[in-house]
Amino acid sequence: MIKRTITGVVMAGFLFLMLWLTSFSHFVFDGLVMVVSGLAAWEMFTALSSKEEGKKSFNLTLVPIIIVWVLSYPLSFYFDYLGLFFATIIAVLIAFIIFIFNEKIHVEDFFATVFVILYPVGLLSILYILNLNYGMIPVLLAIAIGTISDLFAYFIGALFGKKKIFPKISPKKTYAGCIAGVFGGAVGGIIVYLIFELAKFPTHIVFTFLDLMNGNVGLTIALYAIVGLVIAVFSEIGDLAASRVKREVGIKDYGKILGSHGGIMDRIDSIMFTSVCVAIIMVVISFFI
């Protein structure tokens, strides 16, 4: 627990450093996302292609995964969600062409490659678009709510959780933990408001919910809490999705790069799904502003 806490504090400190640097150029955070996306894709590629005895293994194709990783940022930068869509389609088509002409690759291998193209690379690439169009507030909602929801679920579940909710998917997840995680999302949303809108921690700001609410602090806090609750549900789904994949391929963690926290994928599993939720919320909001 001590090692896990220390590692968490170091990661949080590094994130705040990157956020501060982003106040000078939003490209700093985009570069961080690209690095994280590449590491996460490699972890997923390794997990699905491992030849260890007792583990399910696929013959993945690395080239299209690299292509979508490289193309996602520039195409997203210039063409928004349409660019991300085309980057994904190009990678899938290349994977399909390789499947057609390589008899060693079976249909399940092709779909496993497509899976990695979408998860994690495609989902994480949404953060590029959020940062470019709306600044760091929506991005921070995806990160903070995913992270704090996980923390609430972990600690409350460990202390008070008895009845398992999805024992075959995630043996440690309990009803108490899930409920706490959802309310943790509301707390995460309010924390984002307090640090980045009220206290004005320096970062790349384009859009704020305070402006959306015409400066009404009470309504802004309420909106952050409600948005946090909604996003936290996606966070829980993201956590379950990663656990389901791990159970399927027979691994405990995706990697060891973060020590007791596991791999990159183990820390961003919720964030990938919360970024989708935030993107939907921002598209809806954009129709009214």
Protein backbone atom coordinates (compact mmCIF):
# COMPACT_ATOMS: atom_id res chain seq x y z
CA MET A 1 0.00 0.00 0.00
CA ILE A 2 2.87 2.41 0.85
CA LYS A 3 4.64 1.74 -2.46
CA ARG A 4 1.37 2.15 -4.32
CA THR A 5 0.69 5.49 -2.59
CA ILE A 6 4.22 6.81 -3.27
CA THR A 7 3.97 5.84 -6.94
CA GLY A 8 0.57 7.53 -7.15
CA VAL A 9 1.91 10.76 -5.63
CA VAL A 10 4.84 10.78 -8.07
CA MET A 11 2.48 10.26 -11.04
CA ALA A 12 0.20 13.06 -9.80
CA GLY A 13 3.18 15.39 -9.43
CA PHE A 14 4.35 14.59 -12.95
CA LEU A 15 0.85 15.23 -14.31
CA PHE A 16 0.66 18.66 -12.65
CA LEU A 17 4.09 19.51 -14.08
CA MET A 18 2.84 18.61 -17.55
CA LEU A 19 -0.32 20.65 -16.99
CA TRP A 20 1.77 23.68 -16.04
CA LEU A 21 3.93 23.25 -19.15
CA THR A 22 0.75 23.00 -21.20
CA SER A 23 -0.01 26.60 -20.21
CA PHE A 24 2.90 27.55 -22.49
CA SER A 25 1.95 25.16 -25.31
CA HIS A 26 -0.87 22.64 -25.60
CA PHE A 27 1.46 20.49 -27.72
CA VAL A 28 3.18 19.39 -24.50
CA PHE A 29 0.15 17.42 -23.38
CA ASP A 30 -0.46 16.10 -26.88
CA GLY A 31 3.08 14.71 -26.85
CA LEU A 32 2.43 13.06 -23.49
CA VAL A 33 -0.75 11.45 -24.85
CA MET A 34 1.15 10.14 -27.86
CA VAL A 35 3.81 8.55 -25.65
CA VAL A 36 1.20 7.02 -23.34
CA SER A 37 -0.80 5.81 -26.33
CA GLY A 38 2.25 4.12 -27.82
CA LEU A 39 3.20 2.41 -24.56
CA ALA A 40 -0.39 1.30 -23.97
CA ALA A 41 -0.65 -0.11 -27.49
CA TRP A 42 2.57 -2.06 -26.98
CA GLU A 43 1.29 -3.47 -23.69
CA MET A 44 -1.96 -4.56 -25.30
CA PHE A 45 -0.11 -5.98 -28.30
CA THR A 46 2.15 -7.95 -25.96
CA ALA A 47 -0.75 -9.16 -23.83
CA LEU A 48 -2.68 -10.49 -26.82
CA SER A 49 0.31 -12.01 -28.62
CA SER A 50 2.03 -13.63 -25.61
CA LYS A 51 3.09 -17.22 -26.28
CA GLU A 52 3.21 -18.20 -22.61
CA GLU A 53 1.65 -21.53 -21.78
CA GLY A 54 -1.92 -21.30 -20.57
CA LYS A 55 -2.55 -17.90 -22.12
CA LYS A 56 -4.71 -17.17 -25.14
CA SER A 57 -2.53 -15.87 -27.96
CA PHE A 58 -3.15 -14.11 -31.28
CA ASN A 59 -0.88 -13.48 -34.26
CA LEU A 60 -1.28 -9.70 -34.34
CA THR A 61 0.01 -7.43 -37.11
CA LEU A 62 2.10 -4.58 -35.72
CA VAL A 63 2.31 -2.38 -38.85
CA PRO A 64 -1.32 -1.09 -38.89
CA ILE A 65 -1.14 -0.41 -35.15
CA ILE A 66 1.94 1.75 -35.70
CA ILE A 67 0.23 3.48 -38.62
CA VAL A 68 -2.86 4.48 -36.63
CA TRP A 69 -0.61 5.61 -33.76
CA VAL A 70 1.38 7.86 -36.12
CA LEU A 71 -1.55 9.18 -38.16
CA SER A 72 -4.05 9.81 -35.37
CA TYR A 73 -2.50 13.01 -34.09
CA PRO A 74 -1.85 14.92 -37.34
CA LEU A 75 -5.18 13.89 -38.89
CA SER A 76 -7.06 14.73 -35.68
CA PHE A 77 -5.26 18.07 -35.49
CA TYR A 78 -6.28 19.13 -39.00
CA PHE A 79 -9.59 17.31 -39.50
CA ASP A 80 -10.99 16.77 -36.00
CA TYR A 81 -13.06 13.60 -35.44
CA LEU A 82 -13.22 12.98 -39.20
CA GLY A 83 -9.42 12.82 -39.25
CA LEU A 84 -9.38 10.30 -36.40
CA PHE A 85 -11.98 8.26 -38.26
CA PHE A 86 -9.87 8.20 -41.43
CA ALA A 87 -6.71 7.29 -39.49
CA THR A 88 -8.58 4.34 -38.01
CA ILE A 89 -10.07 3.26 -41.35
CA ILE A 90 -6.66 3.42 -43.07
CA ALA A 91 -5.12 1.22 -40.37
CA VAL A 92 -8.00 -1.28 -40.49
CA LEU A 93 -7.79 -1.52 -44.29
CA ILE A 94 -4.05 -2.16 -44.13
CA ALA A 95 -4.63 -4.85 -41.51
CA PHE A 96 -7.28 -6.39 -43.77
CA ILE A 97 -4.97 -6.39 -46.80
CA ILE A 98 -2.24 -8.10 -44.77
CA PHE A 99 -4.81 -10.65 -43.58
CA ILE A 100 -5.84 -11.39 -47.18
CA PHE A 101 -2.33 -12.17 -48.38
CA ASN A 102 -0.78 -13.73 -45.26
CA GLU A 103 -2.11 -17.24 -44.67
CA LYS A 104 -0.51 -17.36 -41.22
CA ILE A 105 -2.95 -14.72 -40.03
CA HIS A 106 -6.42 -16.03 -39.25
CA VAL A 107 -9.64 -14.08 -38.94
CA GLU A 108 -9.43 -13.95 -35.13
CA ASP A 109 -5.89 -12.53 -35.47
CA PHE A 110 -7.18 -9.82 -37.80
CA PHE A 111 -9.92 -8.82 -35.36
CA ALA A 112 -7.41 -8.83 -32.49
CA THR A 113 -5.32 -6.33 -34.47
CA VAL A 114 -8.39 -4.16 -35.11
CA PHE A 115 -9.12 -4.34 -31.39
CA VAL A 116 -5.73 -2.81 -30.54
CA ILE A 117 -6.20 -0.16 -33.25
CA LEU A 118 -9.35 0.94 -31.47
CA TYR A 119 -8.39 0.07 -27.90
CA PRO A 120 -6.26 1.82 -26.75
CA VAL A 121 -5.04 3.97 -29.67
CA GLY A 122 -8.36 5.14 -31.10
CA LEU A 123 -9.96 5.91 -27.76
CA LEU A 124 -6.94 7.75 -26.36
CA SER A 125 -6.69 9.85 -29.51
CA ILE A 126 -9.96 11.53 -28.53
CA LEU A 127 -7.92 13.45 -25.95
CA TYR A 128 -6.08 15.23 -28.80
CA ILE A 129 -9.36 16.60 -30.12
CA LEU A 130 -10.69 17.58 -26.71
CA ASN A 131 -7.51 19.48 -25.90
CA LEU A 132 -7.40 21.22 -29.27
CA ASN A 133 -11.05 22.27 -29.37
CA TYR A 134 -11.87 22.89 -25.71
CA GLY A 135 -8.58 23.06 -23.79
CA MET A 136 -7.67 21.07 -20.71
CA ILE A 137 -10.85 21.36 -18.62
CA PRO A 138 -12.72 18.58 -20.48
CA VAL A 139 -9.52 16.53 -20.66
CA LEU A 140 -9.02 16.93 -16.93
CA LEU A 141 -12.58 15.79 -16.32
CA ALA A 142 -11.80 12.55 -18.15
CA ILE A 143 -8.55 12.06 -16.23
CA ALA A 144 -9.58 13.25 -12.76
CA ILE A 145 -12.97 11.57 -12.67
CA GLY A 146 -11.56 8.30 -13.99
CA THR A 147 -8.75 8.38 -11.43
CA ILE A 148 -10.71 9.55 -8.39
CA SER A 149 -13.60 7.21 -9.17
CA ASP A 150 -11.07 4.35 -9.17
CA LEU A 151 -9.63 5.52 -5.84
CA PHE A 152 -13.03 5.70 -4.16
CA ALA A 153 -13.99 2.30 -5.53
CA TYR A 154 -10.69 0.77 -4.43
CA PHE A 155 -10.57 2.08 -0.86
CA ILE A 156 -14.29 1.91 -0.03
CA GLY A 157 -14.52 -1.50 -1.62
CA ALA A 158 -11.54 -2.74 0.39
CA LEU A 159 -12.95 -1.37 3.66
CA PHE A 160 -16.66 -2.07 3.35
CA GLY A 161 -17.17 -4.19 0.27
CA LYS A 162 -18.39 -7.72 0.92
CA LYS A 163 -20.72 -8.76 -1.87
CA LYS A 164 -19.04 -9.11 -5.27
CA ILE A 165 -20.79 -7.50 -8.21
CA PHE A 166 -18.99 -9.09 -11.19
CA PRO A 167 -16.88 -11.90 -9.70
CA LYS A 168 -16.12 -13.58 -13.04
CA ILE A 169 -14.89 -10.35 -14.63
CA SER A 170 -13.28 -8.48 -11.73
CA PRO A 171 -13.08 -10.61 -8.56
CA LYS A 172 -12.27 -7.67 -6.28
CA LYS A 173 -15.06 -5.34 -7.44
CA THR A 174 -17.92 -5.00 -4.97
CA TYR A 175 -21.30 -3.27 -4.87
CA ALA A 176 -19.98 -0.86 -2.24
CA GLY A 177 -16.95 -0.06 -4.35
CA CYS A 178 -19.01 0.56 -7.48
CA ILE A 179 -21.41 2.90 -5.68
CA ALA A 180 -18.50 4.74 -4.06
CA GLY A 181 -16.82 5.04 -7.45
CA VAL A 182 -19.82 6.81 -8.94
CA PHE A 183 -19.95 9.33 -6.09
CA GLY A 184 -16.18 9.66 -6.37
CA GLY A 185 -16.80 10.91 -9.91
CA ALA A 186 -18.86 13.80 -8.53
CA VAL A 187 -16.01 14.62 -6.13
CA GLY A 188 -13.55 14.47 -9.02
CA GLY A 189 -15.60 16.91 -11.05
CA ILE A 190 -15.78 19.40 -8.19
CA ILE A 191 -12.02 19.07 -7.58
CA VAL A 192 -11.38 20.00 -11.22
CA TYR A 193 -13.51 23.12 -10.72
CA LEU A 194 -11.76 24.10 -7.47
CA ILE A 195 -8.23 23.69 -8.81
CA PHE A 196 -8.51 24.81 -12.41
CA GLU A 197 -11.42 27.26 -12.48
CA LEU A 198 -11.54 28.70 -8.96
CA ALA A 199 -7.85 28.55 -8.00
CA LYS A 200 -6.84 28.97 -11.67
CA PHE A 201 -3.92 26.55 -11.72
CA PRO A 202 -2.06 27.48 -14.93
CA THR A 203 -2.82 25.20 -17.86
CA HIS A 204 -4.23 25.40 -21.38
CA ILE A 205 -7.74 26.82 -20.91
CA VAL A 206 -10.18 27.40 -23.78
CA PHE A 207 -13.55 26.38 -22.36
CA THR A 208 -14.85 26.58 -18.78
CA PHE A 209 -18.14 25.48 -17.29
CA LEU A 210 -18.23 28.71 -15.26
CA ASP A 211 -18.48 30.68 -18.50
CA LEU A 212 -21.13 28.25 -19.72
CA MET A 213 -23.16 28.99 -16.57
CA ASN A 214 -22.64 32.76 -17.03
CA GLY A 215 -20.53 33.02 -13.88
CA ASN A 216 -23.06 31.35 -11.56
CA VAL A 217 -20.83 29.45 -9.11
CA GLY A 218 -23.61 27.37 -7.55
CA LEU A 219 -24.89 26.12 -10.90
CA THR A 220 -21.34 25.47 -12.05
CA ILE A 221 -20.53 23.28 -9.03
CA ALA A 222 -23.83 21.42 -9.45
CA LEU A 223 -23.07 20.85 -13.14
CA TYR A 224 -19.59 19.55 -12.35
CA ALA A 225 -21.07 17.13 -9.80
CA ILE A 226 -23.73 15.86 -12.21
CA VAL A 227 -21.24 15.50 -15.06
CA GLY A 228 -18.92 13.70 -12.65
CA LEU A 229 -21.61 11.18 -11.75
CA VAL A 230 -22.32 10.43 -15.42
CA ILE A 231 -18.67 10.16 -16.41
CA ALA A 232 -17.95 7.89 -13.42
CA VAL A 233 -20.34 5.30 -14.85
CA PHE A 234 -18.19 5.18 -17.99
CA SER A 235 -15.14 4.93 -15.74
CA GLU A 236 -16.57 1.81 -14.10
CA ILE A 237 -17.29 0.29 -17.52
CA GLY A 238 -13.75 1.06 -18.65
CA ASP A 239 -12.31 -0.67 -15.62
CA LEU A 240 -14.47 -3.73 -16.23
CA ALA A 241 -13.50 -3.79 -19.90
CA ALA A 242 -9.79 -3.93 -19.06
CA SER A 243 -10.42 -6.62 -16.45
CA ARG A 244 -12.42 -8.67 -18.94
CA VAL A 245 -9.52 -8.60 -21.42
CA LYS A 246 -7.04 -9.56 -18.70
CA ARG A 247 -9.15 -12.51 -17.61
CA GLU A 248 -9.54 -13.62 -21.24
CA VAL A 249 -5.79 -13.68 -21.94
CA GLY A 250 -4.83 -14.89 -18.46
CA ILE A 251 -2.77 -12.01 -17.05
CA LYS A 252 -2.89 -10.08 -13.77
CA ASP A 253 -1.47 -6.76 -15.02
CA TYR A 254 -0.69 -5.37 -18.45
CA GLY A 255 2.86 -4.50 -17.43
CA LYS A 256 5.26 -3.49 -14.65
CA ILE A 257 6.38 -0.06 -15.84
CA LEU A 258 4.51 1.65 -12.97
CA GLY A 259 5.59 -0.80 -10.30
CA SER A 260 2.79 -1.70 -7.90
CA HIS A 261 0.32 0.11 -10.18
CA GLY A 262 1.03 -2.34 -13.00
CA GLY A 263 1.32 -1.12 -16.56
CA ILE A 264 0.17 1.98 -18.41
CA MET A 265 -3.02 0.17 -19.47
CA ASP A 266 -3.82 -0.60 -15.84
CA ARG A 267 -3.89 3.11 -15.07
CA ILE A 268 -5.67 4.46 -18.16
CA ASP A 269 -8.33 1.76 -18.62
CA SER A 270 -11.00 4.03 -17.10
CA ILE A 271 -9.72 7.18 -18.78
CA MET A 272 -10.21 5.74 -22.26
CA PHE A 273 -13.93 5.33 -21.60
CA THR A 274 -14.33 8.60 -19.70
CA SER A 275 -12.77 10.44 -22.65
CA VAL A 276 -15.54 9.05 -24.87
CA CYS A 277 -18.19 10.25 -22.42
CA VAL A 278 -16.61 13.71 -22.17
CA ALA A 279 -16.41 13.92 -25.96
CA ILE A 280 -20.14 13.18 -26.21
CA ILE A 281 -20.92 15.77 -23.54
CA MET A 282 -18.84 18.43 -25.29
CA VAL A 283 -20.43 17.72 -28.68
CA VAL A 284 -23.86 18.18 -27.08
CA ILE A 285 -22.75 21.39 -25.34
CA SER A 286 -21.28 22.75 -28.60
CA PHE A 287 -24.78 22.86 -30.06
CA PHE A 288 -25.82 25.35 -27.38
CA ILE A 289 -22.81 27.69 -27.28
